[in-house]
Every structure is written in C-alpha cells, then in structure tokens.
Protein backbone atom coordinates (compact mmCIF):
# COMPACT_ATOMS: atom_id res chain seq x y z
CA MET A 1 -23.68 44.67 9.10
CA GLU A 2 -20.78 46.04 6.67
CA THR A 3 -17.93 47.45 7.42
CA THR A 4 -17.29 50.88 5.45
CA VAL A 5 -14.10 53.04 5.09
CA THR A 6 -14.99 56.87 3.41
CA LYS A 7 -11.30 58.04 1.44
CA THR A 8 -11.86 61.57 -0.81
CA GLY A 9 -15.48 60.75 -0.21
CA THR A 10 -16.65 58.34 -1.54
CA GLU A 11 -17.25 54.91 0.00
CA ASP A 12 -15.59 52.04 -0.35
CA LYS A 13 -16.74 48.02 1.39
CA ILE A 14 -13.92 46.36 2.31
CA TRP A 15 -16.42 43.46 3.70
CA GLY A 16 -19.77 42.44 2.02
CA GLY A 17 -20.15 38.42 2.68
CA GLY A 18 -22.21 39.27 5.67
CA ASN A 19 -22.20 35.71 7.14
CA GLU A 20 -21.34 33.50 4.16
CA PRO A 21 -17.83 34.58 2.86
CA LEU A 22 -17.77 34.05 -0.79
CA LYS A 23 -20.69 33.74 -1.38
CA VAL A 24 -20.35 29.85 0.66
CA SER A 25 -22.12 28.58 3.18
CA TYR A 26 -20.89 28.20 6.26
CA GLY A 27 -20.86 24.53 6.26
CA LYS A 28 -19.84 23.99 2.88
CA MET A 29 -16.83 26.68 4.40
CA MET A 30 -16.45 24.71 6.51
CA MET A 31 -15.50 21.17 5.17
CA TRP A 32 -13.12 22.98 2.28
CA PHE A 33 -11.48 23.65 5.52
CA PHE A 34 -11.16 20.82 6.18
CA ILE A 35 -9.69 19.56 3.67
CA VAL A 36 -7.31 21.87 3.21
CA SER A 37 -6.09 21.19 6.06
CA ASP A 38 -6.43 16.97 5.50
CA ALA A 39 -4.33 17.53 2.02
CA LEU A 40 -1.49 18.80 4.12
CA THR A 41 -1.81 15.36 6.39
CA PHE A 42 -1.73 13.19 3.82
CA SER A 43 1.18 15.19 2.12
CA GLY A 44 3.71 14.95 5.05
CA PHE A 45 2.80 10.93 5.31
CA LEU A 46 3.37 10.95 1.28
CA ALA A 47 6.23 13.46 1.28
CA ALA A 48 7.90 10.73 4.16
CA TYR A 49 7.34 7.81 1.81
CA GLY A 50 9.15 9.01 -0.56
CA PHE A 51 12.60 10.39 1.32
CA SER A 52 12.80 6.51 3.61
CA ARG A 53 12.29 5.03 -0.44
CA PHE A 54 14.73 7.02 -2.08
CA LYS A 55 17.08 6.23 1.28
CA PHE A 56 16.33 2.57 0.51
CA ILE A 57 16.39 2.57 -3.09
CA ASP A 58 18.10 -0.19 -3.62
CA SER A 59 16.11 -2.95 -1.09
CA TRP A 60 12.92 -1.93 -1.52
CA PRO A 61 10.14 -3.59 -2.62
CA ILE A 62 8.72 -3.87 -6.82
CA ALA A 63 5.25 -3.09 -6.22
CA ASP A 64 4.53 -5.50 -9.30
CA GLN A 65 5.96 -8.55 -7.46
CA VAL A 66 3.85 -7.91 -3.98
CA PHE A 67 -0.38 -7.22 -5.29
CA ASN A 68 0.43 -9.34 -8.42
CA HIS A 69 -3.06 -11.63 -6.34
CA PHE A 70 -6.66 -11.83 -7.93
CA PRO A 71 -9.35 -13.02 -6.26
CA PHE A 72 -9.86 -16.62 -7.52
CA LEU A 73 -7.50 -17.25 -9.50
CA HIS A 74 -4.81 -18.66 -7.00
CA GLY A 75 -1.50 -19.10 -8.20
CA VAL A 76 -2.21 -16.32 -11.13
CA ASP A 77 0.01 -13.56 -12.06
CA ALA A 78 -1.62 -10.67 -12.22
CA PRO A 79 0.43 -7.45 -11.31
CA MET A 80 -1.31 -4.51 -10.50
CA TYR A 81 -4.58 -5.58 -11.86
CA TYR A 82 -6.49 -5.68 -9.14
CA VAL A 83 -5.29 -2.00 -7.70
CA ALA A 84 -6.51 -0.90 -11.09
CA LEU A 85 -9.86 -2.65 -10.66
CA MET A 86 -10.42 -1.37 -7.24
CA THR A 87 -9.36 2.41 -8.69
CA PHE A 88 -11.42 2.72 -11.50
CA ILE A 89 -14.26 0.88 -9.13
CA LEU A 90 -13.46 4.44 -6.66
CA ILE A 91 -13.10 7.04 -9.61
CA PHE A 92 -16.48 5.71 -11.37
CA SER A 93 -17.75 5.83 -7.26
CA SER A 94 -16.59 10.17 -7.82
CA VAL A 95 -18.44 10.28 -11.17
CA THR A 96 -21.72 9.10 -9.10
CA MET A 97 -21.21 10.90 -6.84
CA VAL A 98 -21.50 14.57 -9.23
CA LEU A 99 -24.10 13.26 -10.83
CA ALA A 100 -26.63 12.66 -7.00
CA VAL A 101 -25.10 16.40 -6.72
CA ASP A 102 -26.56 17.90 -9.62
CA ALA A 103 -29.89 16.07 -9.64
CA GLY A 104 -29.86 18.09 -6.17
CA HIS A 105 -29.68 21.12 -7.55
CA HIS A 106 -32.70 20.18 -10.01
CA MET A 107 -34.29 18.70 -7.37
CA LYS A 108 -34.90 15.81 -8.84
CA GLN A 109 -34.67 12.92 -5.93
CA LYS A 110 -35.39 9.43 -7.67
CA LYS A 111 -32.06 10.03 -9.32
CA VAL A 112 -30.00 11.44 -6.18
CA ILE A 113 -31.26 7.89 -4.69
CA PHE A 114 -30.07 5.75 -7.04
CA TYR A 115 -26.91 7.54 -7.73
CA MET A 116 -26.40 7.95 -4.12
CA PHE A 117 -27.02 4.41 -3.68
CA LEU A 118 -24.05 3.70 -7.12
CA THR A 119 -22.07 6.00 -5.08
CA ILE A 120 -22.54 3.73 -1.76
CA ILE A 121 -21.85 0.26 -3.60
CA GLY A 122 -18.74 1.32 -4.72
CA GLY A 123 -17.18 2.60 -1.52
CA ALA A 124 -18.45 -0.39 -0.20
CA ILE A 125 -16.26 -2.58 -2.84
CA PHE A 126 -13.16 -0.90 -2.26
CA VAL A 127 -13.63 -1.18 0.88
CA GLY A 128 -13.90 -4.40 0.77
CA SER A 129 -11.31 -5.31 -1.22
CA GLN A 130 -8.77 -2.67 0.07
CA ALA A 131 -9.49 -5.23 3.53
CA TRP A 132 -8.36 -8.31 0.78
CA GLU A 133 -5.39 -6.32 -0.52
CA TRP A 134 -4.27 -6.38 3.42
CA LYS A 135 -5.45 -9.89 4.23
CA ASN A 136 -2.75 -11.00 1.36
CA PHE A 137 -0.47 -8.56 2.21
CA ILE A 138 0.16 -9.88 5.89
CA LYS A 139 -0.61 -13.70 5.09
CA GLY A 140 1.74 -13.98 1.44
CA GLU A 141 2.02 -16.63 -0.67
CA TYR A 142 5.71 -17.67 -0.45
CA GLY A 143 7.65 -17.19 2.68
CA ALA A 144 10.69 -16.16 2.57
CA VAL A 145 13.76 -16.05 4.64
CA GLU A 146 15.50 -13.76 6.70
CA THR A 147 19.86 -12.78 7.07
CA LYS A 148 21.53 -11.92 10.48
CA GLY A 149 21.22 -8.58 9.02
CA GLY A 150 17.81 -8.60 8.53
CA GLN A 151 17.90 -9.42 4.56
CA ILE A 152 15.11 -11.19 2.64
CA LEU A 153 16.63 -14.10 1.29
CA GLN A 154 13.51 -15.50 -1.76
CA PHE A 155 13.35 -18.64 -3.64
CA VAL A 156 12.86 -18.09 -7.15
CA ASP A 157 13.84 -20.83 -10.44
CA ALA A 158 15.85 -20.88 -12.99
CA GLU A 159 13.53 -18.26 -15.09
CA GLY A 160 12.80 -15.61 -11.72
CA HIS A 161 10.35 -17.21 -10.65
CA ARG A 162 8.96 -17.19 -7.11
CA VAL A 163 8.74 -20.02 -5.45
CA ALA A 164 6.67 -21.15 -2.31
CA LEU A 165 8.17 -22.33 0.91
CA LYS A 166 6.00 -25.42 1.04
CA ASP A 167 7.61 -26.25 -2.82
CA VAL A 168 11.31 -26.20 -1.38
CA ALA A 169 11.11 -27.99 2.21
CA ILE A 170 11.52 -31.33 3.05
CA LEU A 171 9.87 -32.42 5.98
CA ASP A 172 11.78 -34.14 8.38
CA THR A 173 9.22 -35.83 9.92
CA HIS A 174 11.48 -38.16 12.79
CA LYS A 175 11.83 -34.46 15.05
CA GLU A 176 9.23 -33.43 16.75
CA ARG A 177 9.32 -29.51 16.70
CA SER A 178 9.15 -27.83 20.07
CA GLN A 179 7.44 -24.03 20.75
CA HIS A 180 10.55 -21.97 22.84
CA GLU A 181 9.38 -20.51 25.95
CA GLU A 182 9.86 -18.33 28.58
CA LYS A 183 11.76 -20.63 30.76
CA ASN A 184 13.63 -22.19 27.72
CA GLY A 185 15.94 -19.19 26.75
CA ILE A 186 16.03 -15.78 27.48
CA TRP A 187 13.55 -14.56 29.96
CA TYR A 188 11.71 -12.09 27.95
CA ASP A 189 11.96 -13.91 24.64
CA LYS A 190 8.71 -15.65 23.67
CA GLU A 191 7.53 -17.17 20.52
CA ALA A 192 4.53 -16.19 19.79
CA THR A 193 3.80 -19.10 16.71
CA LEU A 194 6.16 -22.31 15.83
CA PRO A 195 6.70 -21.20 11.76
CA THR A 196 5.29 -23.64 9.32
CA TYR A 197 9.13 -25.02 8.45
CA THR A 198 13.10 -24.96 9.81
CA ILE A 199 16.19 -23.50 8.13
CA ALA A 200 17.00 -26.33 8.16
CA GLU A 201 14.19 -28.02 6.11
CA LEU A 202 14.21 -25.57 3.37
CA THR A 203 18.38 -26.22 3.12
CA ASN A 204 17.15 -29.87 2.55
CA GLY A 205 15.20 -28.95 0.28
CA PHE A 206 17.08 -26.37 -1.80
CA ALA A 207 20.43 -28.57 -1.64
CA LYS A 208 18.32 -30.98 -4.00
CA ASN A 209 16.23 -29.38 -5.92
CA THR A 210 19.12 -27.78 -8.93
CA ASP A 211 16.09 -26.08 -9.90
CA LEU A 212 16.32 -23.32 -7.29
CA LEU A 213 17.90 -20.30 -6.71
CA ILE A 214 17.72 -17.47 -4.19
CA ARG A 215 17.08 -13.68 -4.83
CA THR A 216 17.88 -10.98 -2.61
CA GLN A 217 15.41 -7.55 -1.43
CA GLU A 218 18.65 -5.56 -3.30
CA LEU A 219 18.53 -4.64 -6.74
CA VAL A 220 21.43 -5.49 -8.74
CA PRO A 221 23.97 -1.76 -9.32
CA ASN A 222 25.58 -0.72 -12.63
CA LEU A 223 28.40 -3.05 -12.20
CA GLU A 224 29.81 -0.97 -15.21
CA ASP A 225 29.86 2.58 -13.06
CA LEU A 226 31.58 1.05 -10.36
CA LYS A 227 33.89 -0.83 -12.25
CA ALA A 228 35.06 3.11 -13.54
CA SER A 229 34.79 5.11 -10.65
CA GLY A 230 38.31 4.23 -9.81
CA ASN A 231 37.40 3.21 -6.06
CA ALA A 232 39.19 -0.29 -5.06
CA LYS A 233 36.78 -1.08 -3.05
CA LYS A 234 33.75 -0.80 -5.06
CA ILE A 235 35.73 -2.16 -7.96
CA ALA A 236 36.52 -5.48 -5.90
CA TYR A 237 32.59 -5.47 -5.40
CA ALA A 238 31.81 -5.30 -8.36
CA ALA A 239 33.89 -8.05 -9.14
CA ARG A 240 32.73 -10.45 -6.89
CA LEU A 241 29.16 -9.75 -8.05
CA GLU A 242 30.27 -11.02 -11.17
CA LYS A 243 31.25 -14.37 -9.58
CA GLN A 244 28.15 -14.74 -7.47
CA LEU A 245 25.92 -13.32 -9.67
CA VAL A 246 22.98 -14.68 -11.95
CA ASN A 247 22.23 -11.57 -13.47
CA PRO A 248 24.78 -9.09 -13.09
CA GLU A 249 23.81 -7.03 -15.97
CA ALA A 250 20.35 -6.93 -14.48
CA LYS A 251 20.31 -3.06 -12.98
CA GLY A 252 17.98 -2.30 -10.85
CA GLU A 253 16.18 -5.96 -11.08
CA LYS A 254 16.84 -7.53 -7.25
CA ALA A 255 19.97 -9.78 -7.70
CA ILE A 256 19.65 -13.90 -7.65
CA TYR A 257 22.62 -15.67 -6.77
CA LYS A 258 24.17 -18.45 -8.01
CA ARG A 259 23.85 -22.27 -7.01
CA GLU A 260 26.49 -22.03 -4.56
CA PHE A 261 26.48 -19.10 -3.32
CA SER A 262 22.68 -19.29 -2.69
CA LEU A 263 23.37 -22.55 -0.80
CA ASN A 264 26.77 -20.91 0.95
CA ARG A 265 24.21 -18.50 1.82
CA LEU A 266 21.09 -20.24 2.96
CA LYS A 267 23.22 -22.57 5.70
CA ASN A 268 25.60 -19.89 6.87
CA ASP A 269 23.45 -16.69 7.43
CA THR A 270 19.88 -17.56 7.63
CA VAL A 271 17.97 -17.21 11.29
CA GLY A 272 14.60 -17.33 10.86
CA ILE A 273 11.03 -18.13 7.97
CA VAL A 274 9.11 -15.10 7.39
CA GLU A 275 5.87 -15.81 6.04
CA GLY A 276 3.45 -12.72 4.65
CA ALA A 277 4.26 -8.99 6.57
CA ASN A 278 3.57 -7.04 9.28
CA LEU A 279 4.95 -4.25 11.47
CA VAL A 280 8.40 -6.29 12.61
CA HIS A 281 8.56 -8.41 9.10
CA ASN A 282 8.31 -8.26 5.54
CA GLU A 283 8.95 -11.71 3.42
CA TYR A 284 8.87 -9.14 -0.54
CA GLY A 285 11.72 -6.46 1.52
CA THR A 286 12.56 -4.09 3.96
CA PRO A 287 9.68 -3.70 6.81
CA LEU A 288 9.27 -0.16 6.68
CA PHE A 289 7.83 -0.64 2.89
CA ALA A 290 4.59 -1.97 5.09
CA ASN A 291 4.69 0.09 7.71
CA PHE A 292 4.23 2.74 5.21
CA PHE A 293 1.81 0.40 3.30
CA PHE A 294 -0.47 -0.02 6.27
CA PHE A 295 -0.15 3.55 8.16
CA ILE A 296 -1.05 4.79 4.43
CA THR A 297 -3.52 2.71 2.64
CA GLY A 298 -5.60 1.94 6.68
CA PHE A 299 -5.14 6.43 6.53
CA HIS A 300 -7.13 6.14 3.63
CA GLY A 301 -9.19 2.80 3.99
CA PHE A 302 -10.85 4.88 7.58
CA HIS A 303 -11.20 8.17 5.57
CA VAL A 304 -13.31 5.48 2.56
CA LEU A 305 -15.22 4.17 5.35
CA SER A 306 -16.27 7.04 7.24
CA GLY A 307 -17.65 8.48 3.55
CA VAL A 308 -19.67 5.63 2.73
CA ILE A 309 -21.08 5.82 7.16
CA ILE A 310 -21.78 9.45 6.07
CA ASN A 311 -22.97 9.05 2.18
CA ILE A 312 -25.37 6.14 3.87
CA ILE A 313 -26.85 8.81 6.34
CA ILE A 314 -27.46 11.23 4.10
CA PHE A 315 -29.26 9.03 1.10
CA ILE A 316 -31.60 7.99 4.17
CA ASN A 317 -32.59 11.38 4.66
CA VAL A 318 -32.53 11.72 1.38
CA ILE A 319 -35.55 8.94 1.15
CA LEU A 320 -37.16 10.38 3.59
CA GLY A 321 -37.68 13.53 2.48
CA THR A 322 -36.20 15.96 4.75
CA TYR A 323 -33.45 17.95 1.74
CA GLU A 324 -36.73 17.76 -0.38
CA ARG A 325 -39.18 19.87 2.48
CA ARG A 326 -35.72 22.08 2.68
CA LYS A 327 -35.53 23.05 -1.21
CA ASN A 328 -31.95 22.84 -0.47
CA TYR A 329 -29.76 19.55 -1.09
CA GLU A 330 -26.63 21.17 -0.07
CA MET A 331 -25.52 18.30 2.77
CA VAL A 332 -25.21 16.17 -0.54
CA GLU A 333 -23.19 19.08 -2.03
CA LYS A 334 -20.66 18.81 0.68
CA VAL A 335 -20.59 15.06 1.63
CA GLY A 336 -19.99 15.11 -2.20
CA LEU A 337 -17.19 17.34 -1.53
CA TYR A 338 -15.59 14.92 1.01
CA TRP A 339 -15.74 11.85 -1.44
CA HIS A 340 -14.10 13.52 -3.98
CA PHE A 341 -11.13 14.57 -2.14
CA VAL A 342 -10.26 10.46 -0.74
CA ASP A 343 -10.44 9.43 -3.94
CA LEU A 344 -8.67 12.23 -5.19
CA VAL A 345 -5.47 11.48 -2.39
CA TRP A 346 -6.22 7.93 -3.64
CA VAL A 347 -5.16 8.74 -6.91
CA PHE A 348 -1.67 10.19 -5.24
CA VAL A 349 -2.03 7.18 -2.84
CA PHE A 350 -1.52 4.70 -6.11
CA THR A 351 0.23 6.31 -7.77
CA PHE A 352 3.33 6.46 -5.40
CA PHE A 353 2.56 2.61 -3.66
CA TYR A 354 1.44 1.44 -6.80
CA LEU A 355 3.38 2.55 -9.86
CA VAL A 356 6.42 4.77 -9.72
C-alpha cells in the first residue's frame, strides 16, 4: 500500500518502493547491510593495528624481512613476491566473478559455470597460499634470542644478511639436556618443548665466528636530531649509539651492534631462544605484530574460505540448472557482491601489513 500526503491540493508520494526499496531485492539489500557492517568491523581492526604500530614504530618488524619466502625456492630472498602473487590471484578471481555475473544477466549458463569455476579455483589457491604463509611465519627460518627486557636479537653477517641459529651454534655433545618440569622449579612453570639450541651453544659459536654481528628489533634513530635536542640524556644516548653501532647513520633501519657489544649483550642480557612466531614470542620483533597478523589475516582468510564454500554451493546450483528454471541469476550476483568485498578488504590488509 502506498502512503500519500496531500499538500495544497496535490498528491506527493513519500514512499513508492513497495517491497523493493531503491528497486533492489530484499536479498541484495541484506547483502549490502552485511557488507557495510563487516566493513566497519575490519575498519576497527585495521585502525587498532595502525595505532599499535605507531606506538611501537621503533621496534616494529619490517615486512620485507619477514615475508621473503617463495615456494620451492628455499634460501632465496624474495621479499613480498609471493604475497604479491597471492594478491594478483585474488584480484583476478574478482574479475572472473564479474564475468560470471554478466553471463548470468545474459542467461548464459555455460559461461557462468566456466567463470565461477575459475573464481573458486582462485579463491582456493589464495586460502592455500595464506595457510602456507602462516606455516612459514609460525615455524620461522632463522631463529633469534630474547633478552631480559623482551627484545629480540637476530644474528647477521658482515653484510647485514640474516644467519640461522644452526649456522651459529656449536653443539655441546658432552652435556645432556633435560626438559624443565614442574618438579624441577616453580610449580606452575613447565617447559613445553626443548629449544633446538642453548644460549651457551650460541654464545660459543658467536665468539668463534668473527663475521657475525647482532641486529636488534629497534630502529636506528636520527642521531643528529638527538644531538641537537639540547637534552643531556638524548645527547648521551646518541654518543653511546655512535660508539656501539655498526650503522649509526642508517636512520630507520634495524640497529646492528659491533662485535664487542654484540658478544657482551649475548652473554649477559639473553634469557631464551625464539624460533618462529606465536602469540607470546616472535623472532621477527614485537609479539604484538604476530597477534595482529594472526587475527586480521585469519579473520579475512575465514571470509575467503566462507566465500569459496558459498561459491561452490551456487556453482552446483548453476550446473543443476536451478537459476535457468527461475529465469534469474540473482544469487550469483549476491555472492559476487560478497566476493568483491573480501577482495577489496584484502587490498587494505595487504597495504597495512605488507606495504606501509
């Protein structure tokens, strides 16, 4: 029923949408409501990530040094290559989804089947690639040591390239290692697994290999600004860094300590070995980075996986001719809206985590 209002003898319509407001079906309107609400959720997550990164900017991991793996190219430094490939595949799947929707508008069943199949394959490859990225991030490749203050120290060669723990440690074959249990110490403290190496083995190996240095998770500050600040503490800090660092002029890069200071810090300031990343420890830097990475990329990955499953259901219906009998492929269009949304969200996630 239409509602009208009479004004000075004329009738003006104030609602004429009927059961299709804005000439959009109920199902499509509800999909838009979902997309808007989900977009706000992702916006909150990414805003929280941005604030946290800004707060810990001097110790935040550098993406090029974290995501530098490529399948079947072990040991090859390929920063961001695989992530870029993943992004291309997901964006391409969005193109095939557009073509599927367009084919549906023209009632071309075979083309809808073909393009939806490509979309599903692209989504499945992306989810698998993201699982592979998680595996590498969790497992780690090089390993690091953790200080009493919770900072991460990484081993590098004279050219600044990461060196794995296995290439540093000299194993002590005469000393038997045992796992820490509740009965051996504090009642609530139990060691889950033995680390691959001990601090002593890494210290001995580091001392005998004169080409090794230690790189911290902290970035080198602008020493000239510190000196010109007029603050006695800042000036003293700048002088100390100039004496200790190999790269005091490399503003914005990870700080690398000279041999003497590296060995001293390794002997006196380290408390444990870190291999890979989890919610508590992260060999690449602050654990907060890993927390956000797992949560946000995992949340997005769940959306992509859900989209693949929904696409498969709609794909089967297309094959069975469900929408041919209805003379309408709107279901393909609705799932296409969702798919474009998860693709667009990934562009922002990719920018925040990998590019900025």
